[in-house]
Amino acid sequence: MAKISRSVFTYQFVFGCNENLYKASFKGRLTEEEIVRIFQALHLCMYNNIAEAIYSCLRYSGIPFSDFKSGISVLTHESIIASTKKLLHAGSSRELQWIGNADFYYGIMGYQKWIGCGWDGCCYAVMKTPRRGKDGYRIVGQSFQYRENSGTEQAYFAIRASKRIGRLYNIDSVAGDPVLPAFGSLDLINLMVHLPEICTARQAAAAVMKQPVV
């Protein structure tokens, strides 16, 4: 393993689905191109294999790193929905302390569960990066409900970012019909890769369907 300098950052990747949270973290100093290379590697694996994919990418790409760690957590329906609500509605980044202390954080969640007479679910991509001494957040996410007896869907979608003094604000938001498909396969990794440039609901929908983000 290559040695790294003292000036390093902590990176954390957290991917969730089916009430399981898969984590990988390490220390290093990566370029934007190297981060993209990791996400390209993650495109080729299931979420439960992200730690192996990231570790292999770092080693075989010759990217210096240290203190690599991985783990799995089991979440409840209530905790997943609560964390999604905080991402989509919190007024301050202080309310997102559950994300942790990593300098760079990349989180993805794709979740749905049958509750009573319908489906509850959510999906999101959240990125935390250092910015002038303050943490910078970028979020794209959606919560949704589908009730089988009435055939109705209700969703809330938002694109969010942090402002000065840790305030979170909406770049775009939509309440009502889902912006992102509530069911089916979504490319949330592609959404994460394009997260810094996504400013409209249309762009977010294009990203998860592997279409050009323009």
C-alpha atoms as a PDB file:
ATOM      1  CA  MET A   1       0.000   0.000   0.000  1.00  0.00           C
ATOM      2  CA  ALA A   2       1.425   3.384  -0.981  1.00  0.00           C
ATOM      3  CA  LYS A   3       2.241   5.890   1.757  1.00  0.00           C
ATOM      4  CA  ILE A   4       0.300   9.145   1.949  1.00  0.00           C
ATOM      5  CA  SER A   5       1.222  12.571   3.251  1.00  0.00           C
ATOM      6  CA  ARG A   6       0.043  14.069   6.535  1.00  0.00           C
ATOM      7  CA  SER A   7      -2.414  16.343   4.724  1.00  0.00           C
ATOM      8  CA  VAL A   8      -5.239  13.860   4.232  1.00  0.00           C
ATOM      9  CA  PHE A   9      -9.032  13.707   4.328  1.00  0.00           C
ATOM     10  CA  THR A  10     -11.455  11.066   5.523  1.00  0.00           C
ATOM     11  CA  TYR A  11     -13.768   9.598   2.866  1.00  0.00           C
ATOM     12  CA  GLN A  12     -16.930   7.653   3.608  1.00  0.00           C
ATOM     13  CA  PHE A  13     -19.282   5.823   1.234  1.00  0.00           C
ATOM     14  CA  VAL A  14     -22.640   4.652   2.623  1.00  0.00           C
ATOM     15  CA  PHE A  15     -25.118   2.803   0.382  1.00  0.00           C
ATOM     16  CA  GLY A  16     -28.483   1.575   1.652  1.00  0.00           C
ATOM     17  CA  CYS A  17     -31.189  -0.787   0.402  1.00  0.00           C
ATOM     18  CA  ASN A  18     -33.581  -3.356   1.913  1.00  0.00           C
ATOM     19  CA  GLU A  19     -32.991  -1.939   5.412  1.00  0.00           C
ATOM     20  CA  ASN A  20     -29.246  -2.675   5.225  1.00  0.00           C
ATOM     21  CA  LEU A  21     -26.568   0.009   5.188  1.00  0.00           C
ATOM     22  CA  TYR A  22     -23.214  -0.879   3.604  1.00  0.00           C
ATOM     23  CA  LYS A  23     -20.259   1.312   4.583  1.00  0.00           C
ATOM     24  CA  ALA A  24     -16.669   1.869   3.521  1.00  0.00           C
ATOM     25  CA  SER A  25     -14.251   4.548   4.710  1.00  0.00           C
ATOM     26  CA  PHE A  26     -10.573   5.404   4.336  1.00  0.00           C
ATOM     27  CA  LYS A  27      -8.074   8.256   4.538  1.00  0.00           C
ATOM     28  CA  GLY A  28      -6.364   9.834   1.548  1.00  0.00           C
ATOM     29  CA  ARG A  29      -6.279  12.849  -0.714  1.00  0.00           C
ATOM     30  CA  LEU A  30      -8.183  12.065  -3.901  1.00  0.00           C
ATOM     31  CA  THR A  31      -8.672  14.129  -7.031  1.00  0.00           C
ATOM     32  CA  GLU A  32     -12.110  14.556  -8.618  1.00  0.00           C
ATOM     33  CA  GLU A  33     -11.030  12.153 -11.366  1.00  0.00           C
ATOM     34  CA  GLU A  34     -10.152   9.497  -8.790  1.00  0.00           C
ATOM     35  CA  ILE A  35     -13.546   9.890  -7.089  1.00  0.00           C
ATOM     36  CA  VAL A  36     -15.252   9.416 -10.455  1.00  0.00           C
ATOM     37  CA  ARG A  37     -13.103   6.307 -11.015  1.00  0.00           C
ATOM     38  CA  ILE A  38     -14.415   4.846  -7.757  1.00  0.00           C
ATOM     39  CA  PHE A  39     -18.013   5.461  -8.801  1.00  0.00           C
ATOM     40  CA  GLN A  40     -17.313   3.829 -12.154  1.00  0.00           C
ATOM     41  CA  ALA A  41     -16.143   0.753 -10.255  1.00  0.00           C
ATOM     42  CA  LEU A  42     -19.248   0.849  -8.053  1.00  0.00           C
ATOM     43  CA  HIS A  43     -21.465   0.792 -11.138  1.00  0.00           C
ATOM     44  CA  LEU A  44     -20.341  -2.776 -11.694  1.00  0.00           C
ATOM     45  CA  CYS A  45     -21.300  -4.208  -8.282  1.00  0.00           C
ATOM     46  CA  MET A  46     -24.206  -4.726  -5.926  1.00  0.00           C
ATOM     47  CA  TYR A  47     -24.468  -2.429  -2.900  1.00  0.00           C
ATOM     48  CA  ASN A  48     -23.437  -5.235  -0.543  1.00  0.00           C
ATOM     49  CA  ASN A  49     -20.094  -5.417  -2.379  1.00  0.00           C
ATOM     50  CA  ILE A  50     -19.169  -1.710  -2.316  1.00  0.00           C
ATOM     51  CA  ALA A  51     -16.356  -2.155   0.229  1.00  0.00           C
ATOM     52  CA  GLU A  52     -14.602  -4.771  -1.909  1.00  0.00           C
ATOM     53  CA  ALA A  53     -15.084  -2.691  -5.066  1.00  0.00           C
ATOM     54  CA  ILE A  54     -13.700   0.495  -3.492  1.00  0.00           C
ATOM     55  CA  TYR A  55     -10.719  -1.305  -1.936  1.00  0.00           C
ATOM     56  CA  SER A  56      -9.860  -2.978  -5.255  1.00  0.00           C
ATOM     57  CA  CYS A  57     -10.193   0.305  -7.148  1.00  0.00           C
ATOM     58  CA  LEU A  58      -7.864   2.103  -4.738  1.00  0.00           C
ATOM     59  CA  ARG A  59      -5.227  -0.625  -4.880  1.00  0.00           C
ATOM     60  CA  TYR A  60      -5.238  -1.345  -8.595  1.00  0.00           C
ATOM     61  CA  SER A  61      -5.421   2.348  -9.534  1.00  0.00           C
ATOM     62  CA  GLY A  62      -2.406   3.094  -7.351  1.00  0.00           C
ATOM     63  CA  ILE A  63      -4.310   5.652  -5.278  1.00  0.00           C
ATOM     64  CA  PRO A  64      -2.581   6.233  -1.908  1.00  0.00           C
ATOM     65  CA  PHE A  65      -4.846   5.500   1.079  1.00  0.00           C
ATOM     66  CA  SER A  66      -4.806   4.226   4.646  1.00  0.00           C
ATOM     67  CA  ASP A  67      -7.123   3.105   7.488  1.00  0.00           C
ATOM     68  CA  PHE A  68      -9.607   1.337   5.224  1.00  0.00           C
ATOM     69  CA  LYS A  69     -12.681   0.163   7.144  1.00  0.00           C
ATOM     70  CA  SER A  70     -15.992  -1.425   6.171  1.00  0.00           C
ATOM     71  CA  GLY A  71     -19.189  -2.476   7.896  1.00  0.00           C
ATOM     72  CA  ILE A  72     -22.884  -3.279   7.669  1.00  0.00           C
ATOM     73  CA  SER A  73     -25.725  -1.805   9.734  1.00  0.00           C
ATOM     74  CA  VAL A  74     -29.363  -2.881   9.935  1.00  0.00           C
ATOM     75  CA  LEU A  75     -31.913  -0.061   9.854  1.00  0.00           C
ATOM     76  CA  THR A  76     -35.592   0.101  10.720  1.00  0.00           C
ATOM     77  CA  HIS A  77     -38.304   1.457   8.463  1.00  0.00           C
ATOM     78  CA  GLU A  78     -38.848   4.306  10.909  1.00  0.00           C
ATOM     79  CA  SER A  79     -35.186   5.340  10.965  1.00  0.00           C
ATOM     80  CA  ILE A  80     -34.894   5.322   7.161  1.00  0.00           C
ATOM     81  CA  ILE A  81     -37.985   7.474   6.691  1.00  0.00           C
ATOM     82  CA  ALA A  82     -36.918   9.825   9.516  1.00  0.00           C
ATOM     83  CA  SER A  83     -33.439  10.363   8.046  1.00  0.00           C
ATOM     84  CA  THR A  84     -34.952  11.030   4.613  1.00  0.00           C
ATOM     85  CA  LYS A  85     -37.308  13.630   6.073  1.00  0.00           C
ATOM     86  CA  LYS A  86     -34.357  15.402   7.688  1.00  0.00           C
ATOM     87  CA  LEU A  87     -32.475  15.475   4.394  1.00  0.00           C
ATOM     88  CA  LEU A  88     -35.480  16.880   2.529  1.00  0.00           C
ATOM     89  CA  HIS A  89     -36.811  19.298   5.158  1.00  0.00           C
ATOM     90  CA  ALA A  90     -34.105  20.244   7.690  1.00  0.00           C
ATOM     91  CA  GLY A  91     -33.335  23.946   7.864  1.00  0.00           C
ATOM     92  CA  SER A  92     -29.785  23.515   9.108  1.00  0.00           C
ATOM     93  CA  SER A  93     -26.973  21.100   8.349  1.00  0.00           C
ATOM     94  CA  ARG A  94     -26.627  20.649  12.119  1.00  0.00           C
ATOM     95  CA  GLU A  95     -29.718  18.434  11.889  1.00  0.00           C
ATOM     96  CA  LEU A  96     -27.720  16.043   9.655  1.00  0.00           C
ATOM     97  CA  GLN A  97     -25.144  15.106  12.291  1.00  0.00           C
ATOM     98  CA  TRP A  98     -26.131  11.438  11.855  1.00  0.00           C
ATOM     99  CA  ILE A  99     -24.153  11.545   8.601  1.00  0.00           C
ATOM    100  CA  GLY A 100     -20.942  11.575  10.646  1.00  0.00           C
ATOM    101  CA  ASN A 101     -17.624  13.382  10.753  1.00  0.00           C
ATOM    102  CA  ALA A 102     -16.006  12.323   7.472  1.00  0.00           C
ATOM    103  CA  ASP A 103     -14.617  15.190   5.392  1.00  0.00           C
ATOM    104  CA  PHE A 104     -16.122  13.707   2.228  1.00  0.00           C
ATOM    105  CA  TYR A 105     -19.375  11.745   2.538  1.00  0.00           C
ATOM    106  CA  TYR A 106     -21.235  10.025  -0.302  1.00  0.00           C
ATOM    107  CA  GLY A 107     -24.571   8.501   0.681  1.00  0.00           C
ATOM    108  CA  ILE A 108     -27.164   6.666  -1.396  1.00  0.00           C
ATOM    109  CA  MET A 109     -30.479   5.150  -0.329  1.00  0.00           C
ATOM    110  CA  GLY A 110     -33.021   3.225  -2.386  1.00  0.00           C
ATOM    111  CA  TYR A 111     -35.805   1.826  -0.226  1.00  0.00           C
ATOM    112  CA  GLN A 112     -39.435   0.715  -0.336  1.00  0.00           C
ATOM    113  CA  LYS A 113     -41.591  -1.369   1.983  1.00  0.00           C
ATOM    114  CA  TRP A 114     -45.181  -2.600   2.048  1.00  0.00           C
ATOM    115  CA  ILE A 115     -46.919  -0.953   5.006  1.00  0.00           C
ATOM    116  CA  GLY A 116     -50.569  -1.756   5.698  1.00  0.00           C
ATOM    117  CA  CYS A 117     -52.395  -1.070   2.438  1.00  0.00           C
ATOM    118  CA  GLY A 118     -49.602   0.344   0.328  1.00  0.00           C
ATOM    119  CA  TRP A 119     -45.956   1.163  -0.218  1.00  0.00           C
ATOM    120  CA  ASP A 120     -43.798   3.661   1.629  1.00  0.00           C
ATOM    121  CA  GLY A 121     -40.365   4.455   0.312  1.00  0.00           C
ATOM    122  CA  CYS A 122     -37.627   6.903  -0.468  1.00  0.00           C
ATOM    123  CA  CYS A 123     -34.511   7.405  -2.512  1.00  0.00           C
ATOM    124  CA  TYR A 124     -31.738   9.943  -2.238  1.00  0.00           C
ATOM    125  CA  ALA A 125     -28.157  10.862  -2.966  1.00  0.00           C
ATOM    126  CA  VAL A 126     -26.331  13.139  -0.537  1.00  0.00           C
ATOM    127  CA  MET A 127     -22.821  14.523  -0.854  1.00  0.00           C
ATOM    128  CA  LYS A 128     -20.888  16.304   1.891  1.00  0.00           C
ATOM    129  CA  THR A 129     -17.643  18.100   1.012  1.00  0.00           C
ATOM    130  CA  PRO A 130     -15.386  20.599   2.832  1.00  0.00           C
ATOM    131  CA  ARG A 131     -15.996  24.198   1.778  1.00  0.00           C
ATOM    132  CA  ARG A 132     -14.062  27.170   3.175  1.00  0.00           C
ATOM    133  CA  GLY A 133     -13.915  25.674   6.617  1.00  0.00           C
ATOM    134  CA  LYS A 134     -17.619  24.766   6.563  1.00  0.00           C
ATOM    135  CA  ASP A 135     -19.217  21.530   5.417  1.00  0.00           C
ATOM    136  CA  GLY A 136     -20.964  21.817   2.074  1.00  0.00           C
ATOM    137  CA  TYR A 137     -24.006  19.624   1.385  1.00  0.00           C
ATOM    138  CA  ARG A 138     -25.726  18.720  -1.878  1.00  0.00           C
ATOM    139  CA  ILE A 139     -28.879  16.582  -1.753  1.00  0.00           C
ATOM    140  CA  VAL A 140     -31.317  15.129  -4.260  1.00  0.00           C
ATOM    141  CA  GLY A 141     -34.062  12.979  -2.790  1.00  0.00           C
ATOM    142  CA  GLN A 142     -37.669  11.876  -2.814  1.00  0.00           C
ATOM    143  CA  SER A 143     -40.082  10.303  -0.337  1.00  0.00           C
ATOM    144  CA  PHE A 144     -43.239   8.628  -1.608  1.00  0.00           C
ATOM    145  CA  GLN A 145     -46.365   6.733  -0.640  1.00  0.00           C
ATOM    146  CA  TYR A 146     -48.583   4.516  -2.796  1.00  0.00           C
ATOM    147  CA  ARG A 147     -51.993   3.364  -1.577  1.00  0.00           C
ATOM    148  CA  GLU A 148     -53.306   0.272  -3.356  1.00  0.00           C
ATOM    149  CA  ASN A 149     -56.973   0.705  -2.419  1.00  0.00           C
ATOM    150  CA  SER A 150     -57.160   4.109  -4.132  1.00  0.00           C
ATOM    151  CA  GLY A 151     -54.331   3.690  -6.635  1.00  0.00           C
ATOM    152  CA  THR A 152     -52.935   7.077  -5.596  1.00  0.00           C
ATOM    153  CA  GLU A 153     -49.307   8.150  -5.361  1.00  0.00           C
ATOM    154  CA  GLN A 154     -48.053  11.009  -3.239  1.00  0.00           C
ATOM    155  CA  ALA A 155     -44.452  12.148  -3.264  1.00  0.00           C
ATOM    156  CA  TYR A 156     -42.157  14.969  -2.216  1.00  0.00           C
ATOM    157  CA  PHE A 157     -39.007  15.659  -4.227  1.00  0.00           C
ATOM    158  CA  ALA A 158     -36.279  18.202  -3.483  1.00  0.00           C
ATOM    159  CA  ILE A 159     -32.862  19.354  -4.633  1.00  0.00           C
ATOM    160  CA  ARG A 160     -31.062  21.007  -1.729  1.00  0.00           C
ATOM    161  CA  ALA A 161     -27.743  22.617  -0.864  1.00  0.00           C
ATOM    162  CA  SER A 162     -26.132  24.250   2.155  1.00  0.00           C
ATOM    163  CA  LYS A 163     -25.682  27.976   2.381  1.00  0.00           C
ATOM    164  CA  ARG A 164     -23.486  30.028   4.676  1.00  0.00           C
ATOM    165  CA  ILE A 165     -23.619  29.305   8.404  1.00  0.00           C
ATOM    166  CA  GLY A 166     -24.844  25.789   7.687  1.00  0.00           C
ATOM    167  CA  ARG A 167     -28.296  26.701   6.376  1.00  0.00           C
ATOM    168  CA  LEU A 168     -29.980  24.327   3.925  1.00  0.00           C
ATOM    169  CA  TYR A 169     -32.183  25.670   1.142  1.00  0.00           C
ATOM    170  CA  ASN A 170     -34.169  24.256  -1.785  1.00  0.00           C
ATOM    171  CA  ILE A 171     -32.887  24.689  -5.316  1.00  0.00           C
ATOM    172  CA  ASP A 172     -35.996  22.955  -6.661  1.00  0.00           C
ATOM    173  CA  SER A 173     -38.867  21.005  -5.087  1.00  0.00           C
ATOM    174  CA  VAL A 174     -42.029  19.254  -6.255  1.00  0.00           C
ATOM    175  CA  ALA A 175     -44.953  17.943  -4.167  1.00  0.00           C
ATOM    176  CA  GLY A 176     -47.540  15.595  -5.659  1.00  0.00           C
ATOM    177  CA  ASP A 177     -46.717  13.119  -8.412  1.00  0.00           C
ATOM    178  CA  PRO A 178     -43.291  11.439  -8.107  1.00  0.00           C
ATOM    179  CA  VAL A 179     -40.445  13.081 -10.040  1.00  0.00           C
ATOM    180  CA  LEU A 180     -38.297   9.957  -9.786  1.00  0.00           C
ATOM    181  CA  PRO A 181     -39.890   6.571 -10.510  1.00  0.00           C
ATOM    182  CA  ALA A 182     -41.235   5.143  -7.273  1.00  0.00           C
ATOM    183  CA  PHE A 183     -40.689   1.582  -8.499  1.00  0.00           C
ATOM    184  CA  GLY A 184     -38.149  -0.079 -10.746  1.00  0.00           C
ATOM    185  CA  SER A 185     -34.418   0.242 -11.186  1.00  0.00           C
ATOM    186  CA  LEU A 186     -32.910   3.687 -10.559  1.00  0.00           C
ATOM    187  CA  ASP A 187     -29.281   4.539 -11.280  1.00  0.00           C
ATOM    188  CA  LEU A 188     -28.574   6.340  -8.007  1.00  0.00           C
ATOM    189  CA  ILE A 189     -24.827   6.108  -8.579  1.00  0.00           C
ATOM    190  CA  ASN A 190     -25.222   8.084 -11.799  1.00  0.00           C
ATOM    191  CA  LEU A 191     -27.327  10.563  -9.819  1.00  0.00           C
ATOM    192  CA  MET A 192     -24.463  10.902  -7.328  1.00  0.00           C
ATOM    193  CA  VAL A 193     -21.863  11.445 -10.069  1.00  0.00           C
ATOM    194  CA  HIS A 194     -23.934  14.303 -11.535  1.00  0.00           C
ATOM    195  CA  LEU A 195     -25.097  15.678  -8.173  1.00  0.00           C
ATOM    196  CA  PRO A 196     -23.022  18.910  -8.260  1.00  0.00           C
ATOM    197  CA  GLU A 197     -24.552  19.962 -11.592  1.00  0.00           C
ATOM    198  CA  ILE A 198     -28.194  18.931 -11.033  1.00  0.00           C
ATOM    199  CA  CYS A 199     -30.399  21.990 -10.501  1.00  0.00           C
ATOM    200  CA  THR A 200     -33.825  20.897 -11.808  1.00  0.00           C
ATOM    201  CA  ALA A 201     -36.232  18.014 -11.287  1.00  0.00           C
ATOM    202  CA  ARG A 202     -35.938  17.183 -14.982  1.00  0.00           C
ATOM    203  CA  GLN A 203     -32.165  16.787 -14.707  1.00  0.00           C
ATOM    204  CA  ALA A 204     -32.513  14.504 -11.670  1.00  0.00           C
ATOM    205  CA  ALA A 205     -35.050  12.306 -13.472  1.00  0.00           C
ATOM    206  CA  ALA A 206     -32.715  12.053 -16.469  1.00  0.00           C
ATOM    207  CA  ALA A 207     -29.778  11.040 -14.259  1.00  0.00           C
ATOM    208  CA  VAL A 208     -31.539   8.116 -12.579  1.00  0.00           C
ATOM    209  CA  MET A 209     -32.715   6.842 -15.978  1.00  0.00           C
ATOM    210  CA  LYS A 210     -29.159   7.019 -17.422  1.00  0.00           C
ATOM    211  CA  GLN A 211     -30.114   9.809 -19.832  1.00  0.00           C
ATOM    212  CA  PRO A 212     -27.999  12.916 -20.600  1.00  0.00           C
ATOM    213  CA  VAL A 213     -28.178  15.547 -17.844  1.00  0.00           C
ATOM    214  CA  VAL A 214     -28.622  18.831 -19.720  1.00  0.00           C
END
